Structures are given as C-alpha cells and as structure tokens.
C-alpha cells in the first residue's frame, strides 16, 4: 500500500483531536472529506485503523500508520522550512520524559529549544519505565527511557544514571527510629503514583508494606512533601544532595542508593531537528547525570 499524505494527515488529526469533526476543523475540510480519507486508507490497508470511540483511538494497525504519519509530517515540515515555503505552522517535537528528569537534569534542553524559531516542544510526562510505550504507539518521536532495547524503527544510546536516595525530614526520621534503624512498616512513605515502585522495592525485606502511603503525583510537590515530613521518599540526587548538605533531610540508609540507567530512544530518521534535539539532550545528560559504573 502507498498511503497518501492527506490520508495520513487525517489519521493524525483524528487521534490528536479526538473526533472526526474536530479533525475536520483542524484540517479546514469537511467531516465528510476526513471520513473519505480514512475509509480509503483503511481500504488500502485491509483493516480498521481507527476505533470510532470518544475519543477516537488507533487500532494496533493504526498505531503503525500513525508512526509513519508523524514521521512523514516531520520530514515534510523540515523540507518546507528549508525551501522557505513554510505556511507559518511550527515544527513540532514530541518527546516523552519522566517527571523527575523534567524537574532536574532535562531543563537545559528546554532552554535550547527556546532559541529555535518556528519549533514547538510537546512533552509527554511518564515514568521512565513506561515512556518507550509512547514511542511504540507513535505518540512521540523520542523518549528518555529506562528501556535499553530499541523500539522497532528507533535507535538507542545511553545517557547516564539518575541516582535516588532514601531520605526523610530529620523530625520524621527521629520519630520512627528503632534502635540503629527505623520502623519501616509504620513510618509513613510518599510515592509519586501507582507506577512508582522505588520506595516499595527498597522496603522489600524490611518489615513488610508500610501502613501509611501518601501519593503526591508531581516531582516538585513530592520533593516538598518529603522535606516537610509527610513521609520518607526516594529523591533524585539533584534534589537530595543540596537538601542533605543543608540538613533539610537526612539519609535513611548508607547504602540505599538506587541507580536508574537512562537511555535516549529516537526515531531512525535523517532529521535535522531530531539530530539537533539529540545533541541538546546529550549535553544536558553529560552535565546532570552520573556516569554509569563499569561492568565487573
């Protein structure tokens, strides 16, 4: 099959805007024209590509063509810009990144993108263990992920290690001290969301699950919750080390650090914008992440 650019654009618009009518408004065509393009694309593919739900969602086959559609849009936008034929629509870079990375070492990337005229950055915030799924679905063109195996159609490179430390406010730590350690089962803990396993993994073998679990689903507020004594938590080094130096938190274990290796996965495309973005991510990672320990 050889999908037409207008058909691929209709597919992207439906998934990004949720309905056929909204896609038609975005593309400045009639809903009937959008329906005809999708029917033609589905006929050529020999399968359903869009689930007609609210909002519309791609089928598994639709996800494959969605990746192609977004890759095509990026290359077309770059070509139009190079030829001076840009219609004023900014080039879009969709990237998946974890909340902790976004709140710490990744921030210089935003400073770089801010200097690129005609470019918009669309960030998808997701746990680093799950960002690769957004690449597979075609939602993003690149991702900071803990997954070292490249997604089909992508290339991968190591960025470094984000180290986490179990810390607590001094008052909280003293309140739950038990001998030379702590009463882990009764000491309150803060987690980011239901996908955050760092705290629970550390608790394995330390007295069972905690009785009080607070959920704070933003990185800055998670950090503040730990500093204010709501519970103990695993803080990344860029947040934990300054607080430890100032005495705002204390370390709960001398050897409780958890190193999370991070990788950069991106579409395998000869794209100037994607290459420039990758250079910015590499520079930010060199400045803000630890080098991985050599294998024994």
C-alpha atoms as a PDB file:
ATOM      1  CA  UNK A   1       0.000   0.000   0.000  1.00  0.00           C
ATOM      2  CA  UNK A   2       1.055   3.606  -0.629  1.00  0.00           C
ATOM      3  CA  UNK A   3      -0.850   5.898   1.728  1.00  0.00           C
ATOM      4  CA  UNK A   4      -1.362   9.457   0.545  1.00  0.00           C
ATOM      5  CA  UNK A   5      -0.121  12.416   2.641  1.00  0.00           C
ATOM      6  CA  UNK A   6      -3.668  13.758   3.013  1.00  0.00           C
ATOM      7  CA  UNK A   7      -4.833  10.395   4.347  1.00  0.00           C
ATOM      8  CA  UNK A   8      -2.011  10.233   6.880  1.00  0.00           C
ATOM      9  CA  UNK A   9      -2.683  13.819   7.942  1.00  0.00           C
ATOM     10  CA  UNK A  10      -6.333  12.910   8.540  1.00  0.00           C
ATOM     11  CA  UNK A  11      -5.288   9.946  10.698  1.00  0.00           C
ATOM     12  CA  UNK A  12      -3.016  12.109  12.860  1.00  0.00           C
ATOM     13  CA  UNK A  13      -5.648  14.815  13.209  1.00  0.00           C
ATOM     14  CA  UNK A  14      -8.332  12.351  14.331  1.00  0.00           C
ATOM     15  CA  UNK A  15      -6.119  10.796  17.003  1.00  0.00           C
ATOM     16  CA  UNK A  16      -4.728  14.121  18.235  1.00  0.00           C
ATOM     17  CA  UNK A  17      -8.085  15.924  18.312  1.00  0.00           C
ATOM     18  CA  UNK A  18     -10.309  13.017  19.319  1.00  0.00           C
ATOM     19  CA  UNK A  19     -13.133  13.120  16.765  1.00  0.00           C
ATOM     20  CA  UNK A  20     -13.700  13.276  13.007  1.00  0.00           C
ATOM     21  CA  UNK A  21     -15.418  16.652  13.367  1.00  0.00           C
ATOM     22  CA  UNK A  22     -12.536  18.149  15.370  1.00  0.00           C
ATOM     23  CA  UNK A  23     -10.043  16.761  12.849  1.00  0.00           C
ATOM     24  CA  UNK A  24     -12.019  18.379  10.021  1.00  0.00           C
ATOM     25  CA  UNK A  25     -11.915  21.759  11.762  1.00  0.00           C
ATOM     26  CA  UNK A  26      -8.159  21.411  12.275  1.00  0.00           C
ATOM     27  CA  UNK A  27      -7.565  20.493   8.634  1.00  0.00           C
ATOM     28  CA  UNK A  28     -10.049  23.083   7.318  1.00  0.00           C
ATOM     29  CA  UNK A  29     -12.031  20.472   5.405  1.00  0.00           C
ATOM     30  CA  UNK A  30     -15.455  18.912   5.836  1.00  0.00           C
ATOM     31  CA  UNK A  31     -16.078  15.912   8.141  1.00  0.00           C
ATOM     32  CA  UNK A  32     -17.133  14.014   5.040  1.00  0.00           C
ATOM     33  CA  UNK A  33     -13.706  14.592   3.484  1.00  0.00           C
ATOM     34  CA  UNK A  34     -11.988  13.287   6.620  1.00  0.00           C
ATOM     35  CA  UNK A  35     -14.220  10.188   6.632  1.00  0.00           C
ATOM     36  CA  UNK A  36     -13.476   9.536   2.962  1.00  0.00           C
ATOM     37  CA  UNK A  37      -9.728   9.766   3.538  1.00  0.00           C
ATOM     38  CA  UNK A  38      -9.827   7.340   6.463  1.00  0.00           C
ATOM     39  CA  UNK A  39     -12.067   4.893   4.607  1.00  0.00           C
ATOM     40  CA  UNK A  40      -9.676   4.965   1.665  1.00  0.00           C
ATOM     41  CA  UNK A  41      -6.699   4.424   3.979  1.00  0.00           C
ATOM     42  CA  UNK A  42      -8.443   1.532   5.753  1.00  0.00           C
ATOM     43  CA  UNK A  43      -9.420   0.021   2.405  1.00  0.00           C
ATOM     44  CA  UNK A  44      -5.818   0.164   1.219  1.00  0.00           C
ATOM     45  CA  UNK A  45      -4.570  -1.337   4.498  1.00  0.00           C
ATOM     46  CA  UNK A  46      -7.280  -4.001   4.503  1.00  0.00           C
ATOM     47  CA  UNK A  47      -8.140  -3.437   8.164  1.00  0.00           C
ATOM     48  CA  UNK A  48      -9.699  -1.000  10.597  1.00  0.00           C
ATOM     49  CA  UNK A  49      -7.267   1.711  11.664  1.00  0.00           C
ATOM     50  CA  UNK A  50      -9.411   3.909  13.925  1.00  0.00           C
ATOM     51  CA  UNK A  51     -11.684   2.844  16.771  1.00  0.00           C
ATOM     52  CA  UNK A  52     -14.786   5.041  16.460  1.00  0.00           C
ATOM     53  CA  UNK A  53     -14.969   5.742  20.193  1.00  0.00           C
ATOM     54  CA  UNK A  54     -14.987   9.030  22.106  1.00  0.00           C
ATOM     55  CA  UNK A  55     -12.218   9.984  21.837  1.00  0.00           C
ATOM     56  CA  UNK A  56     -11.141   8.038  18.744  1.00  0.00           C
ATOM     57  CA  UNK A  57      -8.224   5.674  19.283  1.00  0.00           C
ATOM     58  CA  UNK A  58      -5.893   3.899  16.857  1.00  0.00           C
ATOM     59  CA  UNK A  59      -6.042   0.137  16.468  1.00  0.00           C
ATOM     60  CA  UNK A  60      -2.792  -1.829  16.539  1.00  0.00           C
ATOM     61  CA  UNK A  61      -2.521  -1.443  12.760  1.00  0.00           C
ATOM     62  CA  UNK A  62      -3.462   2.203  13.119  1.00  0.00           C
ATOM     63  CA  UNK A  63      -0.547   2.753  15.525  1.00  0.00           C
ATOM     64  CA  UNK A  64       1.852   1.526  12.836  1.00  0.00           C
ATOM     65  CA  UNK A  65       0.500   4.004  10.301  1.00  0.00           C
ATOM     66  CA  UNK A  66       0.329   6.713  12.957  1.00  0.00           C
ATOM     67  CA  UNK A  67       4.102   6.432  13.432  1.00  0.00           C
ATOM     68  CA  UNK A  68       4.566   6.696   9.670  1.00  0.00           C
ATOM     69  CA  UNK A  69       2.212   9.687   9.537  1.00  0.00           C
ATOM     70  CA  UNK A  70       4.075  11.624  12.222  1.00  0.00           C
ATOM     71  CA  UNK A  71       7.459  10.788  10.718  1.00  0.00           C
ATOM     72  CA  UNK A  72       6.205  11.964   7.335  1.00  0.00           C
ATOM     73  CA  UNK A  73       4.858  15.186   8.837  1.00  0.00           C
ATOM     74  CA  UNK A  74       8.214  15.941  10.485  1.00  0.00           C
ATOM     75  CA  UNK A  75      10.154  15.416   7.244  1.00  0.00           C
ATOM     76  CA  UNK A  76       7.642  17.418   5.189  1.00  0.00           C
ATOM     77  CA  UNK A  77       7.755  20.293   7.683  1.00  0.00           C
ATOM     78  CA  UNK A  78      11.561  20.320   7.593  1.00  0.00           C
ATOM     79  CA  UNK A  79      11.577  20.275   3.784  1.00  0.00           C
ATOM     80  CA  UNK A  80       9.093  23.150   3.557  1.00  0.00           C
ATOM     81  CA  UNK A  81      11.103  25.142   6.072  1.00  0.00           C
ATOM     82  CA  UNK A  82      14.345  24.532   4.146  1.00  0.00           C
ATOM     83  CA  UNK A  83      12.666  25.710   0.923  1.00  0.00           C
ATOM     84  CA  UNK A  84      11.231  28.792   2.584  1.00  0.00           C
ATOM     85  CA  UNK A  85       7.746  27.504   1.884  1.00  0.00           C
ATOM     86  CA  UNK A  86       6.577  27.145   5.494  1.00  0.00           C
ATOM     87  CA  UNK A  87       2.896  28.128   5.921  1.00  0.00           C
ATOM     88  CA  UNK A  88       3.616  29.503   9.395  1.00  0.00           C
ATOM     89  CA  UNK A  89       2.893  26.211  11.152  1.00  0.00           C
ATOM     90  CA  UNK A  90       5.637  25.475  13.732  1.00  0.00           C
ATOM     91  CA  UNK A  91       7.661  22.285  13.536  1.00  0.00           C
ATOM     92  CA  UNK A  92       6.587  20.068  16.436  1.00  0.00           C
ATOM     93  CA  UNK A  93       8.925  17.915  18.533  1.00  0.00           C
ATOM     94  CA  UNK A  94       7.009  15.451  20.722  1.00  0.00           C
ATOM     95  CA  UNK A  95       9.165  13.930  23.475  1.00  0.00           C
ATOM     96  CA  UNK A  96       8.442  11.609  26.404  1.00  0.00           C
ATOM     97  CA  UNK A  97      10.304  12.257  29.657  1.00  0.00           C
ATOM     98  CA  UNK A  98       9.812  11.346  33.304  1.00  0.00           C
ATOM     99  CA  UNK A  99       8.702  13.950  35.829  1.00  0.00           C
ATOM    100  CA  UNK A 100      11.956  13.595  37.816  1.00  0.00           C
ATOM    101  CA  UNK A 101      14.113  14.117  34.725  1.00  0.00           C
ATOM    102  CA  UNK A 102      11.998  17.078  33.663  1.00  0.00           C
ATOM    103  CA  UNK A 103      12.372  18.661  37.108  1.00  0.00           C
ATOM    104  CA  UNK A 104      16.155  18.204  37.211  1.00  0.00           C
ATOM    105  CA  UNK A 105      18.740  17.459  34.511  1.00  0.00           C
ATOM    106  CA  UNK A 106      16.469  17.813  31.431  1.00  0.00           C
ATOM    107  CA  UNK A 107      15.702  21.507  31.964  1.00  0.00           C
ATOM    108  CA  UNK A 108      18.629  22.850  29.863  1.00  0.00           C
ATOM    109  CA  UNK A 109      17.029  21.111  26.858  1.00  0.00           C
ATOM    110  CA  UNK A 110      14.062  23.465  27.171  1.00  0.00           C
ATOM    111  CA  UNK A 111      16.453  26.431  27.224  1.00  0.00           C
ATOM    112  CA  UNK A 112      17.954  25.231  23.954  1.00  0.00           C
ATOM    113  CA  UNK A 113      14.612  24.683  22.226  1.00  0.00           C
ATOM    114  CA  UNK A 114      13.554  28.174  23.314  1.00  0.00           C
ATOM    115  CA  UNK A 115      16.194  29.590  20.929  1.00  0.00           C
ATOM    116  CA  UNK A 116      14.950  27.646  17.880  1.00  0.00           C
ATOM    117  CA  UNK A 117      12.498  29.759  15.852  1.00  0.00           C
ATOM    118  CA  UNK A 118       9.437  28.019  14.441  1.00  0.00           C
ATOM    119  CA  UNK A 119       9.726  24.998  16.768  1.00  0.00           C
ATOM    120  CA  UNK A 120       7.342  23.784  19.442  1.00  0.00           C
ATOM    121  CA  UNK A 121       8.192  21.246  22.133  1.00  0.00           C
ATOM    122  CA  UNK A 122       5.355  18.938  23.212  1.00  0.00           C
ATOM    123  CA  UNK A 123       6.357  16.993  26.316  1.00  0.00           C
ATOM    124  CA  UNK A 124       4.623  13.820  27.465  1.00  0.00           C
ATOM    125  CA  UNK A 125       5.372  13.197  31.150  1.00  0.00           C
ATOM    126  CA  UNK A 126       5.502   9.499  32.001  1.00  0.00           C
ATOM    127  CA  UNK A 127       7.531   7.194  34.239  1.00  0.00           C
ATOM    128  CA  UNK A 128      10.850   6.290  32.582  1.00  0.00           C
ATOM    129  CA  UNK A 129       9.874   2.609  32.666  1.00  0.00           C
ATOM    130  CA  UNK A 130       6.822   3.382  30.508  1.00  0.00           C
ATOM    131  CA  UNK A 131       7.969   6.099  28.091  1.00  0.00           C
ATOM    132  CA  UNK A 132       9.013   3.530  25.451  1.00  0.00           C
ATOM    133  CA  UNK A 133       5.349   2.589  25.058  1.00  0.00           C
ATOM    134  CA  UNK A 134       4.662   6.099  23.741  1.00  0.00           C
ATOM    135  CA  UNK A 135       7.304   5.519  21.060  1.00  0.00           C
ATOM    136  CA  UNK A 136       5.691   2.235  20.064  1.00  0.00           C
ATOM    137  CA  UNK A 137       2.310   3.940  19.705  1.00  0.00           C
ATOM    138  CA  UNK A 138       3.791   6.740  17.633  1.00  0.00           C
ATOM    139  CA  UNK A 139       2.790   9.400  20.169  1.00  0.00           C
ATOM    140  CA  UNK A 140       6.333  10.791  20.408  1.00  0.00           C
ATOM    141  CA  UNK A 141       9.396  10.916  18.196  1.00  0.00           C
ATOM    142  CA  UNK A 142      11.885  10.447  21.062  1.00  0.00           C
ATOM    143  CA  UNK A 143      11.914   9.429  24.702  1.00  0.00           C
ATOM    144  CA  UNK A 144      14.068   9.385  27.802  1.00  0.00           C
ATOM    145  CA  UNK A 145      13.562   5.825  28.984  1.00  0.00           C
ATOM    146  CA  UNK A 146      14.997   3.122  31.221  1.00  0.00           C
ATOM    147  CA  UNK A 147      14.465   0.627  28.371  1.00  0.00           C
ATOM    148  CA  UNK A 148      17.820  -0.262  26.727  1.00  0.00           C
ATOM    149  CA  UNK A 149      16.299  -2.358  23.936  1.00  0.00           C
ATOM    150  CA  UNK A 150      15.427  -0.182  20.942  1.00  0.00           C
ATOM    151  CA  UNK A 151      11.794   0.068  19.940  1.00  0.00           C
ATOM    152  CA  UNK A 152      11.262  -1.097  16.362  1.00  0.00           C
ATOM    153  CA  UNK A 153      12.293   1.674  13.996  1.00  0.00           C
ATOM    154  CA  UNK A 154      14.274   3.514  16.676  1.00  0.00           C
ATOM    155  CA  UNK A 155      17.898   3.922  17.713  1.00  0.00           C
ATOM    156  CA  UNK A 156      19.053   3.992  21.327  1.00  0.00           C
ATOM    157  CA  UNK A 157      22.042   5.386  23.221  1.00  0.00           C
ATOM    158  CA  UNK A 158      22.898   5.521  26.958  1.00  0.00           C
ATOM    159  CA  UNK A 159      22.604   8.894  28.674  1.00  0.00           C
ATOM    160  CA  UNK A 160      23.829   8.143  32.186  1.00  0.00           C
ATOM    161  CA  UNK A 161      22.456   7.259  35.596  1.00  0.00           C
ATOM    162  CA  UNK A 162      19.961   9.112  37.767  1.00  0.00           C
ATOM    163  CA  UNK A 163      20.702   8.159  41.393  1.00  0.00           C
ATOM    164  CA  UNK A 164      17.928   8.089  44.006  1.00  0.00           C
ATOM    165  CA  UNK A 165      18.427   8.159  47.799  1.00  0.00           C
ATOM    166  CA  UNK A 166      16.005   7.272  50.628  1.00  0.00           C
ATOM    167  CA  UNK A 167      15.677  10.437  52.704  1.00  0.00           C
ATOM    168  CA  UNK A 168      13.332  11.988  55.253  1.00  0.00           C
ATOM    169  CA  UNK A 169      12.912  15.160  57.227  1.00  0.00           C
ATOM    170  CA  UNK A 170      15.048  14.976  60.401  1.00  0.00           C
ATOM    171  CA  UNK A 171      11.979  15.124  62.680  1.00  0.00           C
ATOM    172  CA  UNK A 172      10.246  12.274  60.858  1.00  0.00           C
ATOM    173  CA  UNK A 173      13.360  10.104  60.903  1.00  0.00           C
ATOM    174  CA  UNK A 174      13.834  10.653  64.638  1.00  0.00           C
ATOM    175  CA  UNK A 175      10.193   9.903  65.384  1.00  0.00           C
ATOM    176  CA  UNK A 176      10.373   6.478  63.728  1.00  0.00           C
ATOM    177  CA  UNK A 177      13.845   5.491  64.846  1.00  0.00           C
ATOM    178  CA  UNK A 178      14.042   1.924  66.182  1.00  0.00           C
ATOM    179  CA  UNK A 179      17.421   1.055  67.655  1.00  0.00           C
ATOM    180  CA  UNK A 180      20.058   1.537  64.981  1.00  0.00           C
ATOM    181  CA  UNK A 181      17.454   1.585  62.216  1.00  0.00           C
ATOM    182  CA  UNK A 182      13.871   2.628  61.577  1.00  0.00           C
ATOM    183  CA  UNK A 183      10.396   1.167  61.939  1.00  0.00           C
ATOM    184  CA  UNK A 184       9.887   0.879  58.169  1.00  0.00           C
ATOM    185  CA  UNK A 185       6.460  -0.769  58.427  1.00  0.00           C
ATOM    186  CA  UNK A 186       4.997   2.132  60.438  1.00  0.00           C
ATOM    187  CA  UNK A 187       6.980   5.076  59.078  1.00  0.00           C
ATOM    188  CA  UNK A 188       4.860   6.974  56.505  1.00  0.00           C
ATOM    189  CA  UNK A 189       6.106   6.907  52.919  1.00  0.00           C
ATOM    190  CA  UNK A 190       5.450   9.170  49.920  1.00  0.00           C
ATOM    191  CA  UNK A 191       5.015   7.688  46.424  1.00  0.00           C
ATOM    192  CA  UNK A 192       4.637   9.518  43.130  1.00  0.00           C
ATOM    193  CA  UNK A 193       1.824   7.400  41.660  1.00  0.00           C
ATOM    194  CA  UNK A 194       0.739   3.795  41.236  1.00  0.00           C
ATOM    195  CA  UNK A 195       3.658   3.151  38.841  1.00  0.00           C
ATOM    196  CA  UNK A 196       6.279   4.352  41.336  1.00  0.00           C
ATOM    197  CA  UNK A 197       7.970   1.212  42.701  1.00  0.00           C
ATOM    198  CA  UNK A 198      11.200   2.762  44.016  1.00  0.00           C
ATOM    199  CA  UNK A 199      10.026   3.027  47.626  1.00  0.00           C
ATOM    200  CA  UNK A 200       8.318  -0.380  47.673  1.00  0.00           C
ATOM    201  CA  UNK A 201      11.338  -2.087  46.117  1.00  0.00           C
ATOM    202  CA  UNK A 202      13.531  -0.667  48.895  1.00  0.00           C
ATOM    203  CA  UNK A 203      11.063  -1.878  51.527  1.00  0.00           C
ATOM    204  CA  UNK A 204      11.210  -5.475  50.330  1.00  0.00           C
ATOM    205  CA  UNK A 205      12.622  -7.458  53.244  1.00  0.00           C
ATOM    206  CA  UNK A 206      12.425  -4.503  55.646  1.00  0.00           C
ATOM    207  CA  UNK A 207       9.306  -5.338  57.616  1.00  0.00           C
ATOM    208  CA  UNK A 208       6.560  -5.600  55.038  1.00  0.00           C
ATOM    209  CA  UNK A 209       4.432  -2.960  53.306  1.00  0.00           C
ATOM    210  CA  UNK A 210       4.066   0.433  55.005  1.00  0.00           C
ATOM    211  CA  UNK A 211       0.865   1.192  56.843  1.00  0.00           C
ATOM    212  CA  UNK A 212       0.652   4.824  55.665  1.00  0.00           C
ATOM    213  CA  UNK A 213       1.278   5.669  51.993  1.00  0.00           C
ATOM    214  CA  UNK A 214       0.865   9.242  50.728  1.00  0.00           C
ATOM    215  CA  UNK A 215       0.531   9.885  46.986  1.00  0.00           C
ATOM    216  CA  UNK A 216       1.930  13.137  45.563  1.00  0.00           C
ATOM    217  CA  UNK A 217       1.982  12.998  41.734  1.00  0.00           C
ATOM    218  CA  UNK A 218       4.257  15.913  40.782  1.00  0.00           C
ATOM    219  CA  UNK A 219       8.027  15.951  41.179  1.00  0.00           C
ATOM    220  CA  UNK A 220       8.281  19.386  42.826  1.00  0.00           C
ATOM    221  CA  UNK A 221       5.467  18.652  45.291  1.00  0.00           C
ATOM    222  CA  UNK A 222       6.822  15.153  46.007  1.00  0.00           C
ATOM    223  CA  UNK A 223      10.135  16.786  46.873  1.00  0.00           C
ATOM    224  CA  UNK A 224       8.409  19.326  49.107  1.00  0.00           C
ATOM    225  CA  UNK A 225       6.264  16.650  50.795  1.00  0.00           C
ATOM    226  CA  UNK A 226       9.401  14.741  51.829  1.00  0.00           C
ATOM    227  CA  UNK A 227      11.102  17.920  53.067  1.00  0.00           C
ATOM    228  CA  UNK A 228       8.015  18.842  55.140  1.00  0.00           C
ATOM    229  CA  UNK A 229       7.904  15.441  56.830  1.00  0.00           C
ATOM    230  CA  UNK A 230       4.798  13.982  55.203  1.00  0.00           C
ATOM    231  CA  UNK A 231       6.758  10.753  54.730  1.00  0.00           C
ATOM    232  CA  UNK A 232      10.089   9.428  53.571  1.00  0.00           C
ATOM    233  CA  UNK A 233      10.799   9.024  49.886  1.00  0.00           C
ATOM    234  CA  UNK A 234      13.374   8.326  47.194  1.00  0.00           C
ATOM    235  CA  UNK A 235      14.692  11.651  45.891  1.00  0.00           C
ATOM    236  CA  UNK A 236      16.945  12.003  42.830  1.00  0.00           C
ATOM    237  CA  UNK A 237      20.414  13.356  43.597  1.00  0.00           C
ATOM    238  CA  UNK A 238      19.862  16.797  42.033  1.00  0.00           C
ATOM    239  CA  UNK A 239      17.134  17.328  44.641  1.00  0.00           C
ATOM    240  CA  UNK A 240      18.510  15.229  47.511  1.00  0.00           C
ATOM    241  CA  UNK A 241      22.150  16.346  47.675  1.00  0.00           C
ATOM    242  CA  UNK A 242      21.540  20.086  48.279  1.00  0.00           C
ATOM    243  CA  UNK A 243      18.974  19.232  50.976  1.00  0.00           C
ATOM    244  CA  UNK A 244      21.349  16.790  52.656  1.00  0.00           C
ATOM    245  CA  UNK A 245      24.096  19.424  52.668  1.00  0.00           C
ATOM    246  CA  UNK A 246      21.737  21.970  54.273  1.00  0.00           C
ATOM    247  CA  UNK A 247      20.314  19.495  56.799  1.00  0.00           C
ATOM    248  CA  UNK A 248      16.773  19.750  55.462  1.00  0.00           C
ATOM    249  CA  UNK A 249      16.667  15.947  55.065  1.00  0.00           C
ATOM    250  CA  UNK A 250      18.720  13.044  56.367  1.00  0.00           C
ATOM    251  CA  UNK A 251      19.737   9.846  54.642  1.00  0.00           C
ATOM    252  CA  UNK A 252      17.971   6.757  55.971  1.00  0.00           C
ATOM    253  CA  UNK A 253      20.431   4.167  54.654  1.00  0.00           C
ATOM    254  CA  UNK A 254      24.149   4.455  53.993  1.00  0.00           C
ATOM    255  CA  UNK A 255      23.883   2.004  51.078  1.00  0.00           C
ATOM    256  CA  UNK A 256      20.314   2.577  50.000  1.00  0.00           C
ATOM    257  CA  UNK A 257      21.032   4.392  46.746  1.00  0.00           C
ATOM    258  CA  UNK A 258      19.236   3.172  43.624  1.00  0.00           C
ATOM    259  CA  UNK A 259      20.823   3.910  40.255  1.00  0.00           C
ATOM    260  CA  UNK A 260      18.373   4.147  37.337  1.00  0.00           C
ATOM    261  CA  UNK A 261      20.153   3.960  33.949  1.00  0.00           C
ATOM    262  CA  UNK A 262      18.554   6.255  31.389  1.00  0.00           C
ATOM    263  CA  UNK A 263      18.606   5.939  27.609  1.00  0.00           C
ATOM    264  CA  UNK A 264      17.629   8.165  24.697  1.00  0.00           C
ATOM    265  CA  UNK A 265      15.478   6.471  22.090  1.00  0.00           C
ATOM    266  CA  UNK A 266      14.542   8.311  18.893  1.00  0.00           C
ATOM    267  CA  UNK A 267      13.097   7.543  15.518  1.00  0.00           C
ATOM    268  CA  UNK A 268      15.649   6.321  12.986  1.00  0.00           C
ATOM    269  CA  UNK A 269      15.234   9.326  10.696  1.00  0.00           C
ATOM    270  CA  UNK A 270      17.654  11.645   8.919  1.00  0.00           C
ATOM    271  CA  UNK A 271      16.075  14.700  10.522  1.00  0.00           C
ATOM    272  CA  UNK A 272      17.991  17.892  11.262  1.00  0.00           C
ATOM    273  CA  UNK A 273      15.565  18.900  14.033  1.00  0.00           C
ATOM    274  CA  UNK A 274      15.713  15.484  15.666  1.00  0.00           C
ATOM    275  CA  UNK A 275      19.507  15.441  15.451  1.00  0.00           C
ATOM    276  CA  UNK A 276      19.777  18.909  16.995  1.00  0.00           C
ATOM    277  CA  UNK A 277      17.399  17.890  19.775  1.00  0.00           C
ATOM    278  CA  UNK A 278      19.513  14.789  20.416  1.00  0.00           C
ATOM    279  CA  UNK A 279      22.657  16.941  20.721  1.00  0.00           C
ATOM    280  CA  UNK A 280      20.883  19.056  23.352  1.00  0.00           C
ATOM    281  CA  UNK A 281      19.796  16.003  25.326  1.00  0.00           C
ATOM    282  CA  UNK A 282      23.328  14.580  25.257  1.00  0.00           C
ATOM    283  CA  UNK A 283      24.771  17.838  26.577  1.00  0.00           C
ATOM    284  CA  UNK A 284      22.201  18.060  29.367  1.00  0.00           C
ATOM    285  CA  UNK A 285      22.819  14.427  30.338  1.00  0.00           C
ATOM    286  CA  UNK A 286      26.598  14.940  30.489  1.00  0.00           C
ATOM    287  CA  UNK A 287      26.092  17.867  32.842  1.00  0.00           C
ATOM    288  CA  UNK A 288      23.323  16.438  35.027  1.00  0.00           C
ATOM    289  CA  UNK A 289      23.618  12.638  35.180  1.00  0.00           C
ATOM    290  CA  UNK A 290      26.171  10.288  36.724  1.00  0.00           C
ATOM    291  CA  UNK A 291      28.367   8.178  34.527  1.00  0.00           C
ATOM    292  CA  UNK A 292      27.358   4.513  34.714  1.00  0.00           C
ATOM    293  CA  UNK A 293      29.635   2.297  36.814  1.00  0.00           C
ATOM    294  CA  UNK A 294      31.862   0.000  34.728  1.00  0.00           C
ATOM    295  CA  UNK A 295      30.663  -3.573  34.495  1.00  0.00           C
ATOM    296  CA  UNK A 296      32.673  -6.067  36.592  1.00  0.00           C
END
